[in-house]
Amino acid sequence: MEIREKGSEFLREELHRAQKELKLKDEECERLSKVREQLEQELEELTASLFEEAHKMVREANLKQAASEKQLKEARGKIDMLQAEVTALKTLVITSTPASPNRELHPQLLSPTKAGPRKGHSRHKSTSSTLCPVVCPVAGHTLTPEKEGKEVDTTLFAEFQAWRESPTLDKTCPFLERVYREDVGPCLDFTMQELSVLVQAAVEDNTLTIEPVASQTLPAGKVAEVECASANTCALSGLARTCRHRIRLGDSESHYYISPSSRARITAVCNFFTYIRYIQQGLVRQDAEPMFWEITRLRKEMSLAKLGFFPQEA
């Protein structure tokens, strides 16, 4: 009995010790479980923070890229505007000769009635016409009557003012649509229709070049490759005329000989487009009415060129 009691007591102590160790292990498991949950929560928070930071960096990079692209676009626009201005100024310089001075370069020629007679030149009056200017056969200058009445057309002026509020080269606006219909279209409507369309497109894109004919312009071996038609036939009218100028369209290496009359018609349209481009670019600092009269003068030049009037070349 004594041995049995001792054995039973020993077993109870072992059981108690095992239960105590099991309780400690349960507590340790619970503690480790809490640590694991805490670590998982921190990991989730860190992952969310990293994703948020990554999205923020991507958004900032996209904003910076958009800003850079906008600045690049604006810079290219300014470059294009400056190149267009330089090209227009080159065109003005090229088209100004002693026999045919460009009035954009010589403002003193805009108002011949207000300027006194110059030394070496005599003033002429037209005795046969009091409305239309005539051409001096010697100097090739257009002579304007001393007194010429003028009155603003309210419809045309209203269309111009509406265009001036937001200048555009869109030919569908009422102002330019009228100019195209009444002046630009007829002035560039040559016999050779296909080439006429190409010339008008080049004038609108400001990519047309007028060059004086010179034998040394190109090497002799290349002349036949790039020159279209003959120097004695106008490529636009198809008529036999002495052609002292030729045109080039865009980056093409082909040249087309043009007669003085065709050159005058193209130049008149180019001068008009140059002026409205200056207005669009904000380079013309004038009130509406002087700008309107200058445009009217340029339209008049297109009409006269279309009717066959052009300066005689020396």
C-alpha atoms as a PDB file:
ATOM      1  CA  MET A   1       0.000   0.000   0.000  1.00  0.00           C
ATOM      2  CA  GLU A   2       2.773   2.332   0.861  1.00  0.00           C
ATOM      3  CA  ILE A   3       4.454   1.691  -2.435  1.00  0.00           C
ATOM      4  CA  ARG A   4       1.197   2.219  -4.288  1.00  0.00           C
ATOM      5  CA  GLU A   5       0.598   5.527  -2.521  1.00  0.00           C
ATOM      6  CA  LYS A   6       4.098   6.709  -3.306  1.00  0.00           C
ATOM      7  CA  GLY A   7       3.642   5.728  -6.935  1.00  0.00           C
ATOM      8  CA  SER A   8       0.324   7.535  -7.109  1.00  0.00           C
ATOM      9  CA  GLU A   9       1.776  10.679  -5.538  1.00  0.00           C
ATOM     10  CA  PHE A  10       4.663  10.570  -8.011  1.00  0.00           C
ATOM     11  CA  LEU A  11       2.284  10.330 -10.923  1.00  0.00           C
ATOM     12  CA  ARG A  12       0.199  13.256  -9.581  1.00  0.00           C
ATOM     13  CA  GLU A  13       3.349  15.387  -9.347  1.00  0.00           C
ATOM     14  CA  GLU A  14       4.349  14.429 -12.891  1.00  0.00           C
ATOM     15  CA  LEU A  15       0.869  15.253 -14.110  1.00  0.00           C
ATOM     16  CA  HIS A  16       0.904  18.588 -12.354  1.00  0.00           C
ATOM     17  CA  ARG A  17       4.342  19.402 -13.767  1.00  0.00           C
ATOM     18  CA  ALA A  18       3.209  18.385 -17.279  1.00  0.00           C
ATOM     19  CA  GLN A  19       0.082  20.540 -16.990  1.00  0.00           C
ATOM     20  CA  LYS A  20       2.202  23.469 -15.835  1.00  0.00           C
ATOM     21  CA  GLU A  21       4.595  23.055 -18.776  1.00  0.00           C
ATOM     22  CA  LEU A  22       1.648  22.749 -21.166  1.00  0.00           C
ATOM     23  CA  LYS A  23       0.164  25.970 -19.775  1.00  0.00           C
ATOM     24  CA  LEU A  24       3.499  27.733 -20.269  1.00  0.00           C
ATOM     25  CA  LYS A  25       3.705  26.449 -23.844  1.00  0.00           C
ATOM     26  CA  ASP A  26       0.119  27.651 -24.510  1.00  0.00           C
ATOM     27  CA  GLU A  27       1.041  31.081 -23.195  1.00  0.00           C
ATOM     28  CA  GLU A  28       4.176  31.075 -25.370  1.00  0.00           C
ATOM     29  CA  CYS A  29       2.125  30.051 -28.425  1.00  0.00           C
ATOM     30  CA  GLU A  30      -0.369  32.813 -27.701  1.00  0.00           C
ATOM     31  CA  ARG A  31       2.434  35.344 -27.358  1.00  0.00           C
ATOM     32  CA  LEU A  32       4.062  34.175 -30.591  1.00  0.00           C
ATOM     33  CA  SER A  33       0.691  34.313 -32.342  1.00  0.00           C
ATOM     34  CA  LYS A  34       0.238  37.914 -31.230  1.00  0.00           C
ATOM     35  CA  VAL A  35       3.752  38.734 -32.437  1.00  0.00           C
ATOM     36  CA  ARG A  36       2.955  37.110 -35.801  1.00  0.00           C
ATOM     37  CA  GLU A  37      -0.281  39.097 -36.137  1.00  0.00           C
ATOM     38  CA  GLN A  38       1.530  42.304 -35.248  1.00  0.00           C
ATOM     39  CA  LEU A  39       4.240  41.572 -37.815  1.00  0.00           C
ATOM     40  CA  GLU A  40       1.638  40.803 -40.493  1.00  0.00           C
ATOM     41  CA  GLN A  41      -0.174  44.061 -39.729  1.00  0.00           C
ATOM     42  CA  GLU A  42       3.057  46.044 -39.909  1.00  0.00           C
ATOM     43  CA  LEU A  43       3.953  44.275 -43.157  1.00  0.00           C
ATOM     44  CA  GLU A  44       0.576  45.175 -44.657  1.00  0.00           C
ATOM     45  CA  GLU A  45       0.951  48.787 -43.549  1.00  0.00           C
ATOM     46  CA  LEU A  46       4.479  48.917 -44.973  1.00  0.00           C
ATOM     47  CA  THR A  47       3.319  47.367 -48.265  1.00  0.00           C
ATOM     48  CA  ALA A  48       0.449  49.863 -48.515  1.00  0.00           C
ATOM     49  CA  SER A  49       2.829  52.717 -47.707  1.00  0.00           C
ATOM     50  CA  LEU A  50       5.276  51.523 -50.354  1.00  0.00           C
ATOM     51  CA  PHE A  51       2.523  51.215 -52.961  1.00  0.00           C
ATOM     52  CA  GLU A  52       1.231  54.687 -52.092  1.00  0.00           C
ATOM     53  CA  GLU A  53       4.716  56.137 -52.308  1.00  0.00           C
ATOM     54  CA  ALA A  54       5.283  54.379 -55.644  1.00  0.00           C
ATOM     55  CA  HIS A  55       1.992  55.714 -57.018  1.00  0.00           C
ATOM     56  CA  LYS A  56       2.914  59.188 -55.772  1.00  0.00           C
ATOM     57  CA  MET A  57       6.296  58.995 -57.496  1.00  0.00           C
ATOM     58  CA  VAL A  58       4.620  57.802 -60.720  1.00  0.00           C
ATOM     59  CA  ARG A  59       2.107  60.672 -60.562  1.00  0.00           C
ATOM     60  CA  GLU A  60       4.879  63.208 -59.981  1.00  0.00           C
ATOM     61  CA  ALA A  61       6.903  61.727 -62.841  1.00  0.00           C
ATOM     62  CA  ASN A  62       3.866  61.899 -65.155  1.00  0.00           C
ATOM     63  CA  LEU A  63       3.215  65.523 -64.148  1.00  0.00           C
ATOM     64  CA  LYS A  64       6.851  66.424 -64.753  1.00  0.00           C
ATOM     65  CA  GLN A  65       6.785  64.627 -68.107  1.00  0.00           C
ATOM     66  CA  ALA A  66       3.584  66.430 -69.110  1.00  0.00           C
ATOM     67  CA  ALA A  67       5.100  69.781 -68.059  1.00  0.00           C
ATOM     68  CA  SER A  68       8.291  69.012 -70.005  1.00  0.00           C
ATOM     69  CA  GLU A  69       6.298  68.012 -73.091  1.00  0.00           C
ATOM     70  CA  LYS A  70       4.250  71.210 -72.815  1.00  0.00           C
ATOM     71  CA  GLN A  71       7.409  73.316 -72.527  1.00  0.00           C
ATOM     72  CA  LEU A  72       8.921  71.442 -75.486  1.00  0.00           C
ATOM     73  CA  LYS A  73       5.777  72.031 -77.543  1.00  0.00           C
ATOM     74  CA  GLU A  74       5.782  75.735 -76.629  1.00  0.00           C
ATOM     75  CA  ALA A  75       9.477  75.987 -77.471  1.00  0.00           C
ATOM     76  CA  ARG A  76       8.917  74.302 -80.841  1.00  0.00           C
ATOM     77  CA  GLY A  77       5.989  76.651 -81.465  1.00  0.00           C
ATOM     78  CA  LYS A  78       8.219  79.656 -80.734  1.00  0.00           C
ATOM     79  CA  ILE A  79      10.920  78.219 -82.993  1.00  0.00           C
ATOM     80  CA  ASP A  80       8.384  77.669 -85.788  1.00  0.00           C
ATOM     81  CA  MET A  81       7.083  81.222 -85.306  1.00  0.00           C
ATOM     82  CA  LEU A  82      10.607  82.661 -85.453  1.00  0.00           C
ATOM     83  CA  GLN A  83      11.439  80.550 -88.502  1.00  0.00           C
ATOM     84  CA  ALA A  84       8.238  81.718 -90.188  1.00  0.00           C
ATOM     85  CA  GLU A  85       9.140  85.321 -89.397  1.00  0.00           C
ATOM     86  CA  VAL A  86      12.672  84.888 -90.749  1.00  0.00           C
ATOM     87  CA  THR A  87      11.309  83.210 -93.889  1.00  0.00           C
ATOM     88  CA  ALA A  88       8.785  86.005 -94.361  1.00  0.00           C
ATOM     89  CA  LEU A  89      11.496  88.647 -93.942  1.00  0.00           C
ATOM     90  CA  LYS A  90      13.699  86.791 -96.445  1.00  0.00           C
ATOM     91  CA  THR A  91      10.771  86.723 -98.858  1.00  0.00           C
ATOM     92  CA  LEU A  92      10.301  90.468 -98.433  1.00  0.00           C
ATOM     93  CA  VAL A  93      13.996  91.085 -99.085  1.00  0.00           C
ATOM     94  CA  ILE A  94      14.133  88.738-102.098  1.00  0.00           C
ATOM     95  CA  THR A  95      11.026  90.255-103.695  1.00  0.00           C
ATOM     96  CA  SER A  96      12.332  93.836-103.366  1.00  0.00           C
ATOM     97  CA  THR A  97      14.280  95.070-106.400  1.00  0.00           C
ATOM     98  CA  PRO A  98      15.031  98.554-107.698  1.00  0.00           C
ATOM     99  CA  ALA A  99      12.561  97.997-110.526  1.00  0.00           C
ATOM    100  CA  SER A 100       9.909  96.556-108.207  1.00  0.00           C
ATOM    101  CA  PRO A 101      10.432  97.826-104.633  1.00  0.00           C
ATOM    102  CA  ASN A 102       8.546  95.918-101.958  1.00  0.00           C
ATOM    103  CA  ARG A 103       6.296  98.310-100.064  1.00  0.00           C
ATOM    104  CA  GLU A 104       6.624  96.305 -96.838  1.00  0.00           C
ATOM    105  CA  LEU A 105      10.328  97.181 -96.796  1.00  0.00           C
ATOM    106  CA  HIS A 106       9.838 100.763 -97.989  1.00  0.00           C
ATOM    107  CA  PRO A 107       6.968 102.408 -96.079  1.00  0.00           C
ATOM    108  CA  GLN A 108       7.711 105.686 -97.770  1.00  0.00           C
ATOM    109  CA  LEU A 109       6.242 104.183-100.953  1.00  0.00           C
ATOM    110  CA  LEU A 110       2.871 103.541 -99.313  1.00  0.00           C
ATOM    111  CA  SER A 111       1.788 107.172 -99.625  1.00  0.00           C
ATOM    112  CA  PRO A 112       3.339 108.656-102.736  1.00  0.00           C
ATOM    113  CA  THR A 113       0.897 111.596-102.646  1.00  0.00           C
ATOM    114  CA  LYS A 114       2.260 112.813 -99.307  1.00  0.00           C
ATOM    115  CA  ALA A 115       5.923 112.558-100.250  1.00  0.00           C
ATOM    116  CA  GLY A 116       7.521 115.327-102.245  1.00  0.00           C
ATOM    117  CA  PRO A 117       9.133 114.688-105.625  1.00  0.00           C
ATOM    118  CA  ARG A 118      12.480 113.008-105.278  1.00  0.00           C
ATOM    119  CA  LYS A 119      15.654 114.134-106.946  1.00  0.00           C
ATOM    120  CA  GLY A 120      16.144 112.411-110.256  1.00  0.00           C
ATOM    121  CA  HIS A 121      12.483 111.396-110.599  1.00  0.00           C
ATOM    122  CA  SER A 122       9.623 113.365-112.112  1.00  0.00           C
ATOM    123  CA  ARG A 123       6.014 113.052-110.960  1.00  0.00           C
ATOM    124  CA  HIS A 124       3.488 111.849-113.521  1.00  0.00           C
ATOM    125  CA  LYS A 125      -0.281 112.181-113.550  1.00  0.00           C
ATOM    126  CA  SER A 126      -2.697 109.891-115.309  1.00  0.00           C
ATOM    127  CA  THR A 127      -4.806 111.931-117.730  1.00  0.00           C
ATOM    128  CA  SER A 128      -6.764 108.947-119.008  1.00  0.00           C
ATOM    129  CA  SER A 129      -7.969 107.499-115.708  1.00  0.00           C
ATOM    130  CA  THR A 130      -8.832 108.943-112.332  1.00  0.00           C
ATOM    131  CA  LEU A 131      -9.636 105.641-110.623  1.00  0.00           C
ATOM    132  CA  CYS A 132      -7.103 102.989-111.616  1.00  0.00           C
ATOM    133  CA  PRO A 133      -3.319 103.314-111.283  1.00  0.00           C
ATOM    134  CA  VAL A 134      -1.227 103.061-114.409  1.00  0.00           C
ATOM    135  CA  VAL A 135       2.172 101.540-115.070  1.00  0.00           C
ATOM    136  CA  CYS A 136       5.152 103.665-115.954  1.00  0.00           C
ATOM    137  CA  PRO A 137       6.804 101.955-118.948  1.00  0.00           C
ATOM    138  CA  VAL A 138      10.251 103.250-118.045  1.00  0.00           C
ATOM    139  CA  ALA A 139      10.685 102.702-114.329  1.00  0.00           C
ATOM    140  CA  GLY A 140       7.999 100.043-113.916  1.00  0.00           C
ATOM    141  CA  HIS A 141       6.422 101.809-110.933  1.00  0.00           C
ATOM    142  CA  THR A 142       2.700 101.931-110.283  1.00  0.00           C
ATOM    143  CA  LEU A 143       1.423 105.495-110.383  1.00  0.00           C
ATOM    144  CA  THR A 144      -1.515 106.342-108.137  1.00  0.00           C
ATOM    145  CA  PRO A 145      -3.693 109.421-108.663  1.00  0.00           C
ATOM    146  CA  GLU A 146      -2.989 112.188-106.204  1.00  0.00           C
ATOM    147  CA  LYS A 147      -6.556 112.222-104.874  1.00  0.00           C
ATOM    148  CA  GLU A 148      -8.465 109.031-104.428  1.00  0.00           C
ATOM    149  CA  GLY A 149     -11.592 108.779-102.314  1.00  0.00           C
ATOM    150  CA  LYS A 150     -12.139 105.778-100.093  1.00  0.00           C
ATOM    151  CA  GLU A 151     -14.793 104.599 -97.698  1.00  0.00           C
ATOM    152  CA  VAL A 152     -14.860 101.672 -95.257  1.00  0.00           C
ATOM    153  CA  ASP A 153     -17.212  98.877 -96.266  1.00  0.00           C
ATOM    154  CA  THR A 154     -19.049  98.082 -93.019  1.00  0.00           C
ATOM    155  CA  THR A 155     -19.616  94.423 -93.871  1.00  0.00           C
ATOM    156  CA  LEU A 156     -15.977  93.784 -94.755  1.00  0.00           C
ATOM    157  CA  PHE A 157     -14.803  95.770 -91.739  1.00  0.00           C
ATOM    158  CA  ALA A 158     -17.061  93.797 -89.394  1.00  0.00           C
ATOM    159  CA  GLU A 159     -15.730  90.510 -90.773  1.00  0.00           C
ATOM    160  CA  PHE A 160     -12.162  91.765 -90.352  1.00  0.00           C
ATOM    161  CA  GLN A 161     -12.781  92.890 -86.766  1.00  0.00           C
ATOM    162  CA  ALA A 162     -14.294  89.512 -85.889  1.00  0.00           C
ATOM    163  CA  TRP A 163     -11.219  87.812 -87.384  1.00  0.00           C
ATOM    164  CA  ARG A 164      -8.850  90.241 -85.601  1.00  0.00           C
ATOM    165  CA  GLU A 165     -10.277  89.260 -82.208  1.00  0.00           C
ATOM    166  CA  SER A 166      -8.882  85.747 -82.723  1.00  0.00           C
ATOM    167  CA  PRO A 167      -6.577  85.699 -85.779  1.00  0.00           C
ATOM    168  CA  THR A 168      -6.417  82.370 -87.576  1.00  0.00           C
ATOM    169  CA  LEU A 169      -5.347  81.040 -90.958  1.00  0.00           C
ATOM    170  CA  ASP A 170      -8.435  78.832 -91.167  1.00  0.00           C
ATOM    171  CA  LYS A 171      -9.919  79.581 -94.587  1.00  0.00           C
ATOM    172  CA  THR A 172     -13.439  78.711 -93.375  1.00  0.00           C
ATOM    173  CA  CYS A 173     -13.782  81.843 -91.228  1.00  0.00           C
ATOM    174  CA  PRO A 174     -15.966  84.513 -92.945  1.00  0.00           C
ATOM    175  CA  PHE A 175     -13.130  87.033 -93.418  1.00  0.00           C
ATOM    176  CA  LEU A 176     -10.626  84.652 -95.039  1.00  0.00           C
ATOM    177  CA  GLU A 177     -13.351  82.749 -96.886  1.00  0.00           C
ATOM    178  CA  ARG A 178     -14.287  85.978 -98.685  1.00  0.00           C
ATOM    179  CA  VAL A 179     -10.631  86.840 -99.438  1.00  0.00           C
ATOM    180  CA  TYR A 180     -10.039  83.337-100.799  1.00  0.00           C
ATOM    181  CA  ARG A 181     -13.183  83.487-102.919  1.00  0.00           C
ATOM    182  CA  GLU A 182     -12.698  87.012-104.272  1.00  0.00           C
ATOM    183  CA  ASP A 183      -8.909  87.436-104.414  1.00  0.00           C
ATOM    184  CA  VAL A 184      -6.608  84.515-103.522  1.00  0.00           C
ATOM    185  CA  GLY A 185      -8.449  81.878-105.553  1.00  0.00           C
ATOM    186  CA  PRO A 186      -8.791  83.942-108.753  1.00  0.00           C
ATOM    187  CA  CYS A 187      -5.249  85.324-108.446  1.00  0.00           C
ATOM    188  CA  LEU A 188      -3.737  81.812-108.259  1.00  0.00           C
ATOM    189  CA  ASP A 189      -6.103  80.290-110.820  1.00  0.00           C
ATOM    190  CA  PHE A 190      -3.646  79.619-113.640  1.00  0.00           C
ATOM    191  CA  THR A 191      -4.108  77.630-116.825  1.00  0.00           C
ATOM    192  CA  MET A 192      -2.098  74.719-115.473  1.00  0.00           C
ATOM    193  CA  GLN A 193      -4.577  73.676-112.790  1.00  0.00           C
ATOM    194  CA  GLU A 194      -2.539  70.906-111.179  1.00  0.00           C
ATOM    195  CA  LEU A 195       0.494  73.136-110.643  1.00  0.00           C
ATOM    196  CA  SER A 196      -1.798  75.985-109.512  1.00  0.00           C
ATOM    197  CA  VAL A 197      -3.107  73.812-106.665  1.00  0.00           C
ATOM    198  CA  LEU A 198       0.453  72.978-105.595  1.00  0.00           C
ATOM    199  CA  VAL A 199       1.473  76.642-105.717  1.00  0.00           C
ATOM    200  CA  GLN A 200      -1.487  77.710-103.557  1.00  0.00           C
ATOM    201  CA  ALA A 201      -0.708  74.975-101.011  1.00  0.00           C
ATOM    202  CA  ALA A 202       2.952  76.080-100.865  1.00  0.00           C
ATOM    203  CA  VAL A 203       1.932  79.729-100.409  1.00  0.00           C
ATOM    204  CA  GLU A 204      -0.425  78.762 -97.571  1.00  0.00           C
ATOM    205  CA  ASP A 205       2.316  76.663 -95.913  1.00  0.00           C
ATOM    206  CA  ASN A 206       4.894  79.438 -96.458  1.00  0.00           C
ATOM    207  CA  THR A 207       7.197  77.009 -98.295  1.00  0.00           C
ATOM    208  CA  LEU A 208       7.305  78.600-101.755  1.00  0.00           C
ATOM    209  CA  THR A 209      10.599  80.087-102.959  1.00  0.00           C
ATOM    210  CA  ILE A 210      11.007  82.564-105.835  1.00  0.00           C
ATOM    211  CA  GLU A 211      14.485  82.737-107.326  1.00  0.00           C
ATOM    212  CA  PRO A 212      15.935  84.847-110.135  1.00  0.00           C
ATOM    213  CA  VAL A 213      17.101  82.778-113.072  1.00  0.00           C
ATOM    214  CA  ALA A 214      20.891  82.569-113.192  1.00  0.00           C
ATOM    215  CA  SER A 215      23.007  80.199-115.223  1.00  0.00           C
ATOM    216  CA  GLN A 216      25.389  79.623-112.333  1.00  0.00           C
ATOM    217  CA  THR A 217      22.687  78.583-109.880  1.00  0.00           C
ATOM    218  CA  LEU A 218      23.169  74.858-110.497  1.00  0.00           C
ATOM    219  CA  PRO A 219      25.892  72.653-111.965  1.00  0.00           C
ATOM    220  CA  ALA A 220      25.332  72.078-115.673  1.00  0.00           C
ATOM    221  CA  GLY A 221      24.856  68.346-115.180  1.00  0.00           C
ATOM    222  CA  LYS A 222      21.939  68.815-112.782  1.00  0.00           C
ATOM    223  CA  VAL A 223      19.979  71.477-114.602  1.00  0.00           C
ATOM    224  CA  ALA A 224      18.044  69.047-116.772  1.00  0.00           C
ATOM    225  CA  GLU A 225      17.140  66.891-113.775  1.00  0.00           C
ATOM    226  CA  VAL A 226      15.432  69.531-111.638  1.00  0.00           C
ATOM    227  CA  GLU A 227      14.179  72.246-113.962  1.00  0.00           C
ATOM    228  CA  CYS A 228      10.648  71.827-115.283  1.00  0.00           C
ATOM    229  CA  ALA A 229       9.699  73.405-118.628  1.00  0.00           C
ATOM    230  CA  SER A 230      11.748  75.997-120.488  1.00  0.00           C
ATOM    231  CA  ALA A 231      12.998  79.466-119.604  1.00  0.00           C
ATOM    232  CA  ASN A 232      10.947  80.688-122.576  1.00  0.00           C
ATOM    233  CA  THR A 233       7.651  79.130-121.427  1.00  0.00           C
ATOM    234  CA  CYS A 234       5.749  79.960-118.257  1.00  0.00           C
ATOM    235  CA  ALA A 235       4.996  76.759-116.340  1.00  0.00           C
ATOM    236  CA  LEU A 236       1.776  78.237-114.918  1.00  0.00           C
ATOM    237  CA  SER A 237       0.196  79.948-117.922  1.00  0.00           C
ATOM    238  CA  GLY A 238       1.728  77.724-120.600  1.00  0.00           C
ATOM    239  CA  LEU A 239       2.429  80.816-122.698  1.00  0.00           C
ATOM    240  CA  ALA A 240       5.675  81.595-124.475  1.00  0.00           C
ATOM    241  CA  ARG A 241       7.216  84.302-122.307  1.00  0.00           C
ATOM    242  CA  THR A 242      10.700  85.290-121.230  1.00  0.00           C
ATOM    243  CA  CYS A 243      10.962  83.936-117.690  1.00  0.00           C
ATOM    244  CA  ARG A 244      13.416  85.699-115.439  1.00  0.00           C
ATOM    245  CA  HIS A 245      12.312  83.911-112.266  1.00  0.00           C
ATOM    246  CA  ARG A 246      11.514  80.401-111.200  1.00  0.00           C
ATOM    247  CA  ILE A 247       9.739  78.884-108.210  1.00  0.00           C
ATOM    248  CA  ARG A 248      10.466  75.940-105.962  1.00  0.00           C
ATOM    249  CA  LEU A 249       7.770  74.243-103.873  1.00  0.00           C
ATOM    250  CA  GLY A 250       8.798  73.167-100.384  1.00  0.00           C
ATOM    251  CA  ASP A 251      11.869  70.936-100.202  1.00  0.00           C
ATOM    252  CA  SER A 252      11.450  69.730-103.767  1.00  0.00           C
ATOM    253  CA  GLU A 253      14.451  70.049-106.049  1.00  0.00           C
ATOM    254  CA  SER A 254      12.204  70.797-109.049  1.00  0.00           C
ATOM    255  CA  HIS A 255      12.060  74.350-110.381  1.00  0.00           C
ATOM    256  CA  TYR A 256       9.317  75.912-112.517  1.00  0.00           C
ATOM    257  CA  TYR A 257       9.970  78.930-114.708  1.00  0.00           C
ATOM    258  CA  ILE A 258       7.370  81.680-114.373  1.00  0.00           C
ATOM    259  CA  SER A 259       6.627  84.810-116.376  1.00  0.00           C
ATOM    260  CA  PRO A 260       6.664  88.309-114.842  1.00  0.00           C
ATOM    261  CA  SER A 261       2.866  88.315-114.767  1.00  0.00           C
ATOM    262  CA  SER A 262       2.692  84.989-112.910  1.00  0.00           C
ATOM    263  CA  ARG A 263       5.392  86.161-110.524  1.00  0.00           C
ATOM    264  CA  ALA A 264       3.409  89.335-109.782  1.00  0.00           C
ATOM    265  CA  ARG A 265       0.297  87.289-109.002  1.00  0.00           C
ATOM    266  CA  ILE A 266       2.172  84.928-106.676  1.00  0.00           C
ATOM    267  CA  THR A 267       4.014  87.785-104.980  1.00  0.00           C
ATOM    268  CA  ALA A 268       0.771  89.691-104.374  1.00  0.00           C
ATOM    269  CA  VAL A 269      -0.744  86.682-102.606  1.00  0.00           C
ATOM    270  CA  CYS A 270       2.479  86.056-100.635  1.00  0.00           C
ATOM    271  CA  ASN A 271       2.497  89.665 -99.431  1.00  0.00           C
ATOM    272  CA  PHE A 272      -1.091  89.282 -98.221  1.00  0.00           C
ATOM    273  CA  PHE A 273      -0.313  86.075 -96.314  1.00  0.00           C
ATOM    274  CA  THR A 274       2.843  87.606 -94.843  1.00  0.00           C
ATOM    275  CA  TYR A 275       0.858  90.522 -93.444  1.00  0.00           C
ATOM    276  CA  ILE A 276      -1.928  88.426 -91.899  1.00  0.00           C
ATOM    277  CA  ARG A 277       0.721  86.113 -90.389  1.00  0.00           C
ATOM    278  CA  TYR A 278       2.323  89.172 -88.799  1.00  0.00           C
ATOM    279  CA  ILE A 279      -1.074  90.127 -87.373  1.00  0.00           C
ATOM    280  CA  GLN A 280      -1.608  86.597 -86.079  1.00  0.00           C
ATOM    281  CA  GLN A 281       1.815  86.627 -84.410  1.00  0.00           C
ATOM    282  CA  GLY A 282       1.132  90.012 -82.787  1.00  0.00           C
ATOM    283  CA  LEU A 283       3.853  91.834 -84.740  1.00  0.00           C
ATOM    284  CA  VAL A 284       1.536  94.542 -86.096  1.00  0.00           C
ATOM    285  CA  ARG A 285       0.917  97.283 -83.527  1.00  0.00           C
ATOM    286  CA  GLN A 286      -1.846  99.316 -85.141  1.00  0.00           C
ATOM    287  CA  ASP A 287      -5.497 100.124 -84.676  1.00  0.00           C
ATOM    288  CA  ALA A 288      -8.113  98.143 -86.556  1.00  0.00           C
ATOM    289  CA  GLU A 289      -8.772 100.690 -89.313  1.00  0.00           C
ATOM    290  CA  PRO A 290      -5.143 101.166 -90.523  1.00  0.00           C
ATOM    291  CA  MET A 291      -4.731  97.380 -90.528  1.00  0.00           C
ATOM    292  CA  PHE A 292      -7.965  97.022 -92.505  1.00  0.00           C
ATOM    293  CA  TRP A 293      -6.832  99.555 -95.118  1.00  0.00           C
ATOM    294  CA  GLU A 294      -3.458  97.811 -95.464  1.00  0.00           C
ATOM    295  CA  ILE A 295      -5.250  94.505 -96.060  1.00  0.00           C
ATOM    296  CA  THR A 296      -7.515  96.277 -98.550  1.00  0.00           C
ATOM    297  CA  ARG A 297      -4.434  97.605-100.360  1.00  0.00           C
ATOM    298  CA  LEU A 298      -2.977  94.100-100.511  1.00  0.00           C
ATOM    299  CA  ARG A 299      -6.288  92.783-101.880  1.00  0.00           C
ATOM    300  CA  LYS A 300      -6.176  95.552-104.477  1.00  0.00           C
ATOM    301  CA  GLU A 301      -2.675  94.419-105.482  1.00  0.00           C
ATOM    302  CA  MET A 302      -3.994  90.869-105.947  1.00  0.00           C
ATOM    303  CA  SER A 303      -6.874  92.139-108.093  1.00  0.00           C
ATOM    304  CA  LEU A 304      -4.546  94.227-110.275  1.00  0.00           C
ATOM    305  CA  ALA A 305      -2.131  91.306-110.669  1.00  0.00           C
ATOM    306  CA  LYS A 306      -4.998  89.019-111.652  1.00  0.00           C
ATOM    307  CA  LEU A 307      -6.091  91.561-114.294  1.00  0.00           C
ATOM    308  CA  GLY A 308      -2.605  91.479-115.807  1.00  0.00           C
ATOM    309  CA  PHE A 309      -0.955  94.564-114.285  1.00  0.00           C
ATOM    310  CA  PHE A 310       2.631  94.002-113.141  1.00  0.00           C
ATOM    311  CA  PRO A 311       5.818  96.080-112.774  1.00  0.00           C
ATOM    312  CA  GLN A 312       8.115  96.101-115.768  1.00  0.00           C
ATOM    313  CA  GLU A 313      11.470  94.488-115.000  1.00  0.00           C
ATOM    314  CA  ALA A 314      14.692  96.141-115.929  1.00  0.00           C
END
